[in-house]
Every structure is written in C-alpha cells, then in structure tokens.
N, C-alpha and C. Protein backbone atom coordinates (compact mmCIF):
# COMPACT_ATOMS: atom_id res chain seq x y z
N UNK A 1 0.52 -1.16 -0.04
CA UNK A 1 0.16 0.28 -0.25
C UNK A 1 0.67 1.05 0.18
N UNK A 2 0.39 2.50 -0.91
CA UNK A 2 1.16 3.73 -1.24
C UNK A 2 1.02 4.51 0.53
N UNK A 3 2.36 4.84 0.91
CA UNK A 3 2.23 5.87 2.06
C UNK A 3 1.17 7.00 1.78
N UNK A 4 0.15 7.56 2.36
CA UNK A 4 -0.01 8.07 2.53
C UNK A 4 0.09 9.81 3.15
N UNK A 5 -0.70 11.00 2.96
CA UNK A 5 0.24 11.75 3.68
C UNK A 5 -1.15 12.04 4.88
N UNK A 6 -0.21 12.17 6.05
CA UNK A 6 -1.04 12.10 7.37
C UNK A 6 -1.85 14.16 7.11
N UNK A 7 -3.57 14.52 7.51
CA UNK A 7 -4.09 15.49 7.15
C UNK A 7 -4.42 15.85 8.66
N UNK A 8 -5.17 16.87 9.10
CA UNK A 8 -6.24 16.86 10.21
C UNK A 8 -6.75 17.56 10.15
N UNK A 9 -7.95 17.48 10.83
CA UNK A 9 -9.18 18.04 10.61
C UNK A 9 -9.62 18.08 12.23
N UNK A 10 -11.09 18.56 11.88
CA UNK A 10 -12.30 18.50 13.38
C UNK A 10 -13.24 16.86 13.15
N UNK A 11 -13.83 16.41 14.50
CA UNK A 11 -15.04 15.56 14.20
C UNK A 11 -15.83 16.48 13.44
N UNK A 12 -16.60 16.76 13.06
CA UNK A 12 -18.25 17.57 12.48
C UNK A 12 -19.11 16.33 13.42
N UNK A 13 -19.61 15.57 13.71
CA UNK A 13 -19.98 14.59 14.09
C UNK A 13 -20.10 13.17 13.90
N UNK A 14 -20.60 12.04 14.91
CA UNK A 14 -19.73 10.70 15.24
C UNK A 14 -21.26 10.43 16.53
N UNK A 15 -21.20 8.93 15.16
CA UNK A 15 -22.99 8.27 16.31
C UNK A 15 -22.03 7.03 16.68
N UNK A 16 -21.72 6.86 17.56
CA UNK A 16 -21.35 5.49 18.18
C UNK A 16 -22.25 4.49 17.94
N UNK A 17 -23.45 4.43 18.27
CA UNK A 17 -24.45 3.65 18.10
C UNK A 17 -24.57 3.30 16.47
N UNK A 18 -24.56 4.08 15.65
CA UNK A 18 -24.21 3.33 14.22
C UNK A 18 -22.92 3.55 13.89
N UNK A 19 -21.85 3.91 14.65
CA UNK A 19 -20.63 3.35 14.16
C UNK A 19 -20.05 4.41 13.06
N UNK A 20 -20.33 5.37 12.80
CA UNK A 20 -19.83 6.34 11.85
C UNK A 20 -20.48 7.72 11.75
N UNK A 21 -18.91 8.76 11.39
CA UNK A 21 -19.67 9.88 11.36
C UNK A 21 -18.96 10.91 10.33
N UNK A 22 -18.25 12.07 10.19
CA UNK A 22 -17.77 12.97 9.14
C UNK A 22 -17.08 13.75 9.89
N UNK A 23 -15.56 14.48 9.03
CA UNK A 23 -14.92 15.00 9.63
C UNK A 23 -14.37 16.28 8.87
N UNK A 24 -14.55 17.45 9.84
CA UNK A 24 -14.20 18.72 7.92
C UNK A 24 -12.47 18.67 8.72
N UNK A 25 -11.35 18.50 7.72
CA UNK A 25 -10.35 18.22 7.41
C UNK A 25 -9.97 20.03 7.29
N UNK A 26 -9.10 20.19 8.33
CA UNK A 26 -8.44 21.51 7.90
C UNK A 26 -7.99 22.04 6.98
N UNK A 27 -7.70 21.61 5.40
CA UNK A 27 -7.36 22.21 4.51
C UNK A 27 -9.14 22.98 3.26
N UNK A 28 -10.10 22.56 4.43
CA UNK A 28 -11.13 22.84 3.69
C UNK A 28 -11.42 21.26 2.77
N UNK A 29 -12.56 22.05 1.96
CA UNK A 29 -12.93 20.78 0.98
C UNK A 29 -13.95 19.78 1.90
N UNK A 30 -14.68 19.50 1.42
CA UNK A 30 -16.08 18.25 1.86
C UNK A 30 -15.35 17.38 2.67
N UNK A 31 -16.78 17.59 3.55
CA UNK A 31 -16.83 16.33 5.00
C UNK A 31 -16.09 15.53 4.69
N UNK A 32 -15.24 14.53 5.14
CA UNK A 32 -15.24 13.32 5.08
C UNK A 32 -15.73 12.01 5.78
N UNK A 33 -16.04 11.27 5.20
CA UNK A 33 -17.16 9.46 5.54
C UNK A 33 -16.23 9.25 6.97
N UNK A 34 -15.67 8.66 7.88
CA UNK A 34 -14.81 8.21 8.55
C UNK A 34 -15.98 7.19 9.39
N UNK A 35 -15.47 5.46 9.23
CA UNK A 35 -16.25 4.76 9.86
C UNK A 35 -15.13 4.34 11.20
N UNK A 36 -16.19 3.39 11.91
CA UNK A 36 -15.30 3.20 13.24
C UNK A 36 -13.93 2.44 13.30
N UNK A 37 -14.12 1.23 12.16
CA UNK A 37 -13.65 1.09 11.63
C UNK A 37 -12.33 0.79 11.77
N UNK A 38 -11.93 2.73 10.88
CA UNK A 38 -11.29 3.66 10.69
C UNK A 38 -10.40 4.07 11.64
N UNK A 39 -10.61 3.71 13.59
CA UNK A 39 -10.18 4.78 14.29
C UNK A 39 -9.28 4.38 14.97
N UNK A 40 -7.62 3.83 15.32
CA UNK A 40 -6.97 3.72 15.93
C UNK A 40 -6.86 3.87 17.40
N UNK A 41 -7.69 3.27 18.10
CA UNK A 41 -7.98 3.40 19.74
C UNK A 41 -7.49 1.91 20.31
N UNK A 42 -7.01 2.01 21.45
CA UNK A 42 -7.10 0.82 22.11
C UNK A 42 -8.63 0.11 23.34
N UNK A 43 -9.40 1.30 22.68
CA UNK A 43 -10.55 1.23 24.05
C UNK A 43 -12.25 0.68 22.92
N UNK A 44 -12.85 1.43 23.70
CA UNK A 44 -13.93 1.30 22.61
C UNK A 44 -13.78 2.11 21.42
N UNK A 45 -14.00 2.10 19.89
CA UNK A 45 -13.81 3.19 19.19
C UNK A 45 -14.74 4.09 18.37
N UNK A 46 -14.37 5.62 19.12
CA UNK A 46 -15.56 6.11 18.75
C UNK A 46 -15.19 7.87 18.77
N UNK A 47 -15.54 8.83 18.01
CA UNK A 47 -15.00 9.94 18.41
C UNK A 47 -16.03 11.13 18.66
N UNK A 48 -15.77 12.04 19.40
CA UNK A 48 -16.74 12.98 19.46
C UNK A 48 -16.64 14.32 19.20
N UNK A 49 -17.92 14.69 18.90
CA UNK A 49 -18.04 16.40 18.23
C UNK A 49 -17.08 17.28 18.56
N UNK A 50 -15.95 18.12 17.75
CA UNK A 50 -15.16 18.75 17.80
C UNK A 50 -13.62 18.26 18.41
N UNK A 51 -13.72 17.36 18.68
CA UNK A 51 -12.11 16.22 18.25
C UNK A 51 -11.31 16.64 17.56
N UNK A 52 -9.79 17.06 17.77
CA UNK A 52 -9.11 17.62 16.65
C UNK A 52 -8.62 15.99 16.62
N UNK A 53 -8.49 15.21 15.18
CA UNK A 53 -7.58 14.20 14.83
C UNK A 53 -6.56 14.24 13.39
N UNK A 54 -6.03 13.55 13.34
CA UNK A 54 -5.36 13.03 12.62
C UNK A 54 -5.80 11.80 11.78
N UNK A 55 -5.68 11.83 10.81
CA UNK A 55 -5.93 10.62 9.26
C UNK A 55 -5.26 11.18 7.82
N UNK A 56 -5.29 9.84 7.40
CA UNK A 56 -5.34 9.67 6.14
C UNK A 56 -6.29 10.14 5.53
N UNK A 57 -6.49 9.97 3.59
CA UNK A 57 -7.44 10.04 2.51
C UNK A 57 -7.55 9.13 2.14
N UNK A 58 -8.76 8.28 1.93
CA UNK A 58 -8.35 6.85 0.54
C UNK A 58 -9.60 7.31 -0.24
N UNK A 59 -9.30 6.73 -1.24
CA UNK A 59 -9.83 6.63 -2.55
C UNK A 59 -10.68 5.57 -2.85
N UNK A 60 -10.15 4.19 -2.44
CA UNK A 60 -10.60 2.85 -2.73
C UNK A 60 -12.43 2.84 -2.75
N UNK A 61 -12.21 2.70 -4.09
CA UNK A 61 -13.84 2.08 -4.65
C UNK A 61 -14.64 3.09 -5.00
N UNK A 62 -14.06 4.35 -5.12
CA UNK A 62 -14.82 5.28 -5.91
C UNK A 62 -15.15 6.47 -4.34
N UNK A 63 -15.04 5.72 -3.43
CA UNK A 63 -15.41 6.67 -1.92
C UNK A 63 -14.49 7.54 -1.46
N UNK A 64 -14.74 8.68 -0.91
CA UNK A 64 -13.35 9.63 -0.41
C UNK A 64 -13.82 9.55 1.47
N UNK A 65 -12.77 8.53 1.89
CA UNK A 65 -12.81 8.51 3.32
C UNK A 65 -11.60 8.93 4.05
N UNK A 66 -12.35 9.09 5.06
CA UNK A 66 -10.89 8.96 6.16
C UNK A 66 -10.61 7.72 6.87
N UNK A 67 -8.85 7.68 6.87
CA UNK A 67 -8.59 6.16 6.94
C UNK A 67 -7.36 6.19 8.20
N UNK A 68 -7.28 5.55 9.24
CA UNK A 68 -5.88 5.38 10.12
C UNK A 68 -6.17 6.70 11.63
N UNK A 69 -7.53 7.14 11.86
CA UNK A 69 -7.71 8.13 12.31
C UNK A 69 -7.65 8.32 13.70
N UNK A 70 -6.51 8.83 14.15
CA UNK A 70 -6.28 9.43 15.53
C UNK A 70 -6.35 10.44 15.96
N UNK A 71 -7.22 10.50 17.43
CA UNK A 71 -7.68 11.67 18.01
C UNK A 71 -6.40 12.49 18.58
N UNK A 72 -6.30 13.88 18.23
CA UNK A 72 -5.01 14.66 19.03
C UNK A 72 -5.55 14.93 20.34
N UNK A 73 -6.17 14.48 20.77
CA UNK A 73 -6.98 15.36 22.21
C UNK A 73 -6.98 14.31 23.10
N UNK A 74 -6.37 15.11 23.94
CA UNK A 74 -6.29 14.13 25.40
C UNK A 74 -7.08 12.90 26.15
N UNK A 75 -8.92 12.97 25.23
CA UNK A 75 -9.81 12.03 25.08
C UNK A 75 -9.76 10.72 24.63
N UNK A 76 -9.05 10.91 23.74
CA UNK A 76 -8.35 10.20 22.47
C UNK A 76 -8.84 8.62 23.26
N UNK A 77 -9.85 7.58 23.07
CA UNK A 77 -10.09 6.45 22.62
C UNK A 77 -11.45 6.17 24.29
N UNK A 78 -11.42 7.79 24.81
CA UNK A 78 -12.62 7.58 26.20
C UNK A 78 -13.54 7.63 25.99
N UNK A 79 -14.23 7.79 24.72
CA UNK A 79 -15.68 8.07 24.40
C UNK A 79 -16.61 7.22 25.31
N UNK A 80 -17.65 7.18 25.37
CA UNK A 80 -18.32 6.79 25.94
C UNK A 80 -17.63 6.31 27.42
N UNK A 81 -17.13 6.46 28.08
CA UNK A 81 -16.50 5.84 29.01
C UNK A 81 -15.93 4.28 29.08
N UNK A 82 -15.97 4.11 27.79
CA UNK A 82 -15.47 2.63 28.36
C UNK A 82 -14.18 2.23 27.77
N UNK A 83 -13.23 3.64 27.64
CA UNK A 83 -12.06 3.60 27.18
C UNK A 83 -10.70 2.61 28.22
N UNK A 84 -11.28 3.30 29.87
CA UNK A 84 -10.03 3.14 30.38
C UNK A 84 -11.06 2.41 31.49
N UNK A 85 -9.82 1.46 32.28
CA UNK A 85 -10.74 0.83 33.51
C UNK A 85 -10.26 -0.68 32.79
N UNK A 86 -10.09 -1.62 31.73
CA UNK A 86 -10.15 -2.89 31.34
C UNK A 86 -11.05 -3.51 31.20
N UNK A 87 -12.04 -3.19 32.28
CA UNK A 87 -13.05 -4.40 31.87
C UNK A 87 -13.46 -5.41 33.37
N UNK A 88 -12.00 -5.66 33.90
CA UNK A 88 -11.44 -6.71 34.43
C UNK A 88 -11.46 -7.94 34.04
N UNK A 89 -11.49 -8.32 32.39
CA UNK A 89 -10.98 -9.28 31.83
C UNK A 89 -8.98 -9.20 31.38
N UNK A 90 -8.49 -10.73 32.49
CA UNK A 90 -6.85 -10.67 32.97
C UNK A 90 -6.20 -10.34 33.82
N UNK A 91 -7.19 -10.26 35.06
CA UNK A 91 -6.91 -9.32 36.30
C UNK A 91 -6.73 -10.17 37.00
N UNK A 92 -6.97 -11.42 37.02
CA UNK A 92 -7.04 -12.95 38.06
C UNK A 92 -5.10 -12.77 38.21
N UNK A 93 -4.71 -12.99 38.88
CA UNK A 93 -2.89 -13.25 38.68
C UNK A 93 -1.84 -12.53 38.96
N UNK A 94 -2.61 -10.85 38.83
CA UNK A 94 -1.85 -9.41 39.09
C UNK A 94 -1.94 -9.27 40.20
N UNK A 95 -2.99 -9.32 40.83
CA UNK A 95 -3.29 -8.69 42.44
C UNK A 95 -1.50 -9.10 43.32
N UNK A 96 -0.76 -8.36 43.92
CA UNK A 96 -0.32 -8.66 44.80
C UNK A 96 0.08 -9.13 45.93
N UNK A 97 0.55 -10.14 46.65
CA UNK A 97 0.62 -10.50 47.95
C UNK A 97 -1.34 -11.62 48.54
N UNK A 98 -1.91 -11.79 46.63
CA UNK A 98 -3.14 -12.26 47.22
C UNK A 98 -3.04 -13.96 46.86
N UNK A 99 -2.06 -14.63 46.68
CA UNK A 99 -1.76 -15.77 46.31
C UNK A 99 -3.26 -16.31 45.57
N UNK A 100 -3.07 -15.39 44.66
CA UNK A 100 -4.22 -16.33 43.56
C UNK A 100 -3.47 -16.48 42.08
N UNK A 101 -1.92 -16.14 41.51
CA UNK A 101 -1.61 -16.36 40.96
C UNK A 101 -1.75 -18.04 40.76
N UNK A 102 -1.53 -18.91 39.24
CA UNK A 102 -1.98 -20.10 38.92
C UNK A 102 -3.31 -21.15 39.13
N UNK A 103 -4.25 -19.98 39.91
CA UNK A 103 -5.16 -21.32 40.16
C UNK A 103 -6.31 -20.75 39.98
N UNK A 104 -6.97 -21.84 39.25
CA UNK A 104 -7.78 -21.84 37.91
C UNK A 104 -7.47 -21.74 36.60
N UNK A 105 -6.42 -22.22 36.55
CA UNK A 105 -5.65 -22.42 34.62
C UNK A 105 -5.15 -23.68 35.05
N UNK A 106 -4.43 -24.39 35.74
CA UNK A 106 -4.47 -25.92 35.57
C UNK A 106 -3.16 -25.98 35.77
N UNK A 107 -2.55 -25.13 36.85
CA UNK A 107 -1.05 -24.63 36.55
C UNK A 107 -1.21 -24.83 38.07
N UNK A 108 0.35 -24.96 38.68
CA UNK A 108 0.60 -25.21 39.74
C UNK A 108 1.01 -23.88 40.71
N UNK A 109 0.32 -23.39 41.68
CA UNK A 109 0.75 -22.38 42.25
C UNK A 109 2.58 -22.45 42.89
N UNK A 110 2.44 -23.42 42.97
CA UNK A 110 4.33 -23.71 43.25
C UNK A 110 5.35 -22.96 42.11
C-alpha cells in the first residue's frame, strides 16, 4: 500500500451507535466519511464532536473517506466512558500478595 500523507481536521459529528460520522479537514474541502473500523484506539472506537484528529485519505472504491484516524486530544479512546478500566478481564493473578497466581488455570501455584 502506498504511503499516504497525514492530514488534520475536526470531528463534525460521530454516532457511536451507528459506528460512523464525518470529519471536516483543516485544509478545507468536503467533509470526509469515517467508519469506526478506521479509528486507531485501544478502547471503544469512537470520536466526539469537536475532537481534533489526524488521518489519511483513501479513495478506494470511488469513495473518499478518512482512514487510520487518531485523536489529537487527551480524551483519545475515552468515548462513552469505556476506554479505560480494562473491564476486569485478565486481572486474576495480577494482585500482589493475593495468592491467586496459577489458580484456576490448571497450573501449579508453586
């Protein structure tokens, strides 16, 4: 895949429920469609209206869209309050001094 030049813009609107929205490029021109699968984030992939973002532009299939989208704000990945906290998965065995390491996984605690 060819290297694409990064651009910056602002989220015009984004629906976490529908999984898509639009970005207004800082350079002007038409607003760009963005799908949740094009957002690079560790948590719940969403954007908030007014968030500054960086992205590349793709013209695949005759449709212009923003891809490889990253938030430039400190709230990146925190949309909907689900971006932090870890959901409790993978926490067993991480507590120090709790004596839980190795239990329930068929391994020996010794």
